Amino acid sequence: MKDSIWNQVLTYFYIRKRNPDAPKNINTSLMHGMNRISLFMFLIAIIVIIIRTFRHH
């Protein structure tokens, strides 16, 4: 069964346990690490944009 995007996000942020049957590969580990960093940066940018929007009004 294919994971939904939300399950993948929860896995990236270590909120949900990884599938123990999933193949372990250094390339996929690095890819998930980069995705985790980009998601954190995106969420921080969204929070900053929201804060700046409400402070200027």
N, C-alpha and C. Protein backbone atom coordinates (compact mmCIF):
# COMPACT_ATOMS: atom_id res chain seq x y z
N MET A 1 0.83 -1.19 0.00
CA MET A 1 0.00 0.00 0.00
C MET A 1 0.88 1.25 0.00
N LYS A 2 0.55 2.20 -0.83
CA LYS A 2 1.35 3.41 -0.96
C LYS A 2 1.05 4.37 0.19
N ASP A 3 2.12 4.92 0.77
CA ASP A 3 1.95 5.90 1.85
C ASP A 3 1.44 7.22 1.30
N SER A 4 0.64 7.89 2.07
CA SER A 4 0.19 9.21 1.68
C SER A 4 1.29 10.22 1.99
N ILE A 5 1.14 11.41 1.46
CA ILE A 5 2.14 12.46 1.68
C ILE A 5 2.24 12.81 3.16
N TRP A 6 1.12 12.76 3.87
CA TRP A 6 1.13 13.12 5.29
C TRP A 6 1.88 12.08 6.11
N ASN A 7 1.74 10.81 5.75
CA ASN A 7 2.50 9.77 6.45
C ASN A 7 3.99 9.93 6.21
N GLN A 8 4.37 10.33 5.00
CA GLN A 8 5.78 10.56 4.70
C GLN A 8 6.32 11.75 5.50
N VAL A 9 5.52 12.81 5.61
CA VAL A 9 5.94 13.98 6.39
C VAL A 9 6.13 13.60 7.86
N LEU A 10 5.20 12.83 8.41
CA LEU A 10 5.32 12.40 9.80
C LEU A 10 6.56 11.54 10.00
N THR A 11 6.88 10.73 9.01
CA THR A 11 8.08 9.90 9.09
C THR A 11 9.34 10.76 9.04
N TYR A 12 9.35 11.78 8.18
CA TYR A 12 10.51 12.66 8.08
C TYR A 12 10.79 13.36 9.40
N PHE A 13 9.73 13.76 10.08
CA PHE A 13 9.90 14.49 11.35
C PHE A 13 9.97 13.56 12.55
N TYR A 14 10.11 12.27 12.32
CA TYR A 14 10.22 11.27 13.37
C TYR A 14 9.01 11.24 14.29
N ILE A 15 7.85 11.63 13.80
CA ILE A 15 6.63 11.54 14.59
C ILE A 15 6.04 10.14 14.46
N ARG A 16 6.24 9.53 13.30
CA ARG A 16 5.76 8.19 13.06
C ARG A 16 6.95 7.28 12.81
N LYS A 17 6.87 6.05 13.28
CA LYS A 17 7.98 5.11 13.10
C LYS A 17 8.12 4.72 11.63
N ARG A 18 9.35 4.49 11.21
CA ARG A 18 9.62 4.03 9.85
C ARG A 18 9.14 2.59 9.69
N ASN A 19 8.88 2.25 8.46
CA ASN A 19 8.49 0.89 8.12
C ASN A 19 9.71 -0.01 8.24
N PRO A 20 9.70 -1.02 9.10
CA PRO A 20 10.88 -1.87 9.25
C PRO A 20 11.17 -2.72 8.02
N ASP A 21 10.18 -2.90 7.15
CA ASP A 21 10.38 -3.68 5.93
C ASP A 21 10.94 -2.84 4.79
N ALA A 22 11.04 -1.53 4.98
CA ALA A 22 11.54 -0.66 3.91
C ALA A 22 13.03 -0.93 3.70
N PRO A 23 13.47 -0.90 2.44
CA PRO A 23 14.89 -1.13 2.17
C PRO A 23 15.75 -0.01 2.73
N LYS A 24 16.90 -0.36 3.29
CA LYS A 24 17.80 0.65 3.85
C LYS A 24 18.93 0.86 2.87
N ASN A 25 19.07 2.09 2.43
CA ASN A 25 20.06 2.44 1.43
C ASN A 25 20.62 3.81 1.80
N ILE A 26 21.91 4.03 1.62
CA ILE A 26 22.51 5.31 1.99
C ILE A 26 21.95 6.44 1.14
N ASN A 27 21.63 6.15 -0.13
CA ASN A 27 21.08 7.20 -1.00
C ASN A 27 19.71 7.65 -0.53
N THR A 28 18.85 6.71 -0.15
CA THR A 28 17.53 7.12 0.34
C THR A 28 17.64 7.79 1.70
N SER A 29 18.60 7.39 2.52
CA SER A 29 18.79 8.07 3.80
C SER A 29 19.20 9.52 3.59
N LEU A 30 20.12 9.76 2.66
CA LEU A 30 20.54 11.13 2.36
C LEU A 30 19.39 11.94 1.76
N MET A 31 18.62 11.30 0.90
CA MET A 31 17.49 11.99 0.29
C MET A 31 16.47 12.39 1.36
N HIS A 32 16.16 11.49 2.28
CA HIS A 32 15.22 11.81 3.36
C HIS A 32 15.79 12.90 4.26
N GLY A 33 17.08 12.89 4.49
CA GLY A 33 17.71 13.95 5.29
C GLY A 33 17.57 15.31 4.62
N MET A 34 17.81 15.37 3.32
CA MET A 34 17.65 16.65 2.60
C MET A 34 16.20 17.09 2.58
N ASN A 35 15.29 16.15 2.42
CA ASN A 35 13.86 16.49 2.45
C ASN A 35 13.46 17.03 3.82
N ARG A 36 14.00 16.43 4.87
CA ARG A 36 13.70 16.89 6.23
C ARG A 36 14.18 18.32 6.42
N ILE A 37 15.39 18.61 5.97
CA ILE A 37 15.94 19.97 6.10
C ILE A 37 15.10 20.96 5.31
N SER A 38 14.72 20.60 4.09
CA SER A 38 13.93 21.53 3.27
C SER A 38 12.54 21.75 3.87
N LEU A 39 11.94 20.72 4.45
CA LEU A 39 10.63 20.90 5.09
C LEU A 39 10.73 21.82 6.31
N PHE A 40 11.78 21.65 7.11
CA PHE A 40 11.98 22.55 8.25
C PHE A 40 12.15 23.98 7.78
N MET A 41 12.96 24.20 6.77
CA MET A 41 13.18 25.56 6.25
C MET A 41 11.89 26.15 5.69
N PHE A 42 11.11 25.34 5.00
CA PHE A 42 9.84 25.81 4.45
C PHE A 42 8.89 26.22 5.57
N LEU A 43 8.77 25.39 6.60
CA LEU A 43 7.87 25.73 7.70
C LEU A 43 8.32 26.99 8.44
N ILE A 44 9.62 27.14 8.63
CA ILE A 44 10.13 28.35 9.27
C ILE A 44 9.83 29.57 8.42
N ALA A 45 10.01 29.47 7.09
CA ALA A 45 9.72 30.59 6.21
C ALA A 45 8.24 30.96 6.24
N ILE A 46 7.37 29.97 6.27
CA ILE A 46 5.92 30.25 6.35
C ILE A 46 5.58 30.96 7.65
N ILE A 47 6.18 30.52 8.75
CA ILE A 47 5.93 31.17 10.05
C ILE A 47 6.42 32.61 10.03
N VAL A 48 7.60 32.84 9.46
CA VAL A 48 8.14 34.21 9.37
C VAL A 48 7.23 35.09 8.51
N ILE A 49 6.75 34.57 7.40
CA ILE A 49 5.85 35.35 6.53
C ILE A 49 4.56 35.69 7.26
N ILE A 50 4.01 34.74 7.99
CA ILE A 50 2.77 35.00 8.73
C ILE A 50 3.00 36.04 9.81
N ILE A 51 4.11 35.95 10.55
CA ILE A 51 4.41 36.91 11.61
C ILE A 51 4.60 38.31 11.02
N ARG A 52 5.34 38.41 9.91
CA ARG A 52 5.56 39.72 9.29
C ARG A 52 4.26 40.30 8.75
N THR A 53 3.39 39.47 8.26
CA THR A 53 2.12 39.96 7.72
C THR A 53 1.25 40.54 8.83
N PHE A 54 1.19 39.91 9.97
CA PHE A 54 0.34 40.40 11.05
C PHE A 54 0.97 41.56 11.81
N ARG A 55 2.27 41.68 11.83
CA ARG A 55 2.92 42.78 12.55
C ARG A 55 2.80 44.10 11.82
N HIS A 56 2.68 44.08 10.50
CA HIS A 56 2.64 45.32 9.74
C HIS A 56 1.25 45.91 9.65
N HIS A 57 0.26 45.23 10.18
CA HIS A 57 -1.10 45.77 10.13
C HIS A 57 -1.56 46.26 11.44
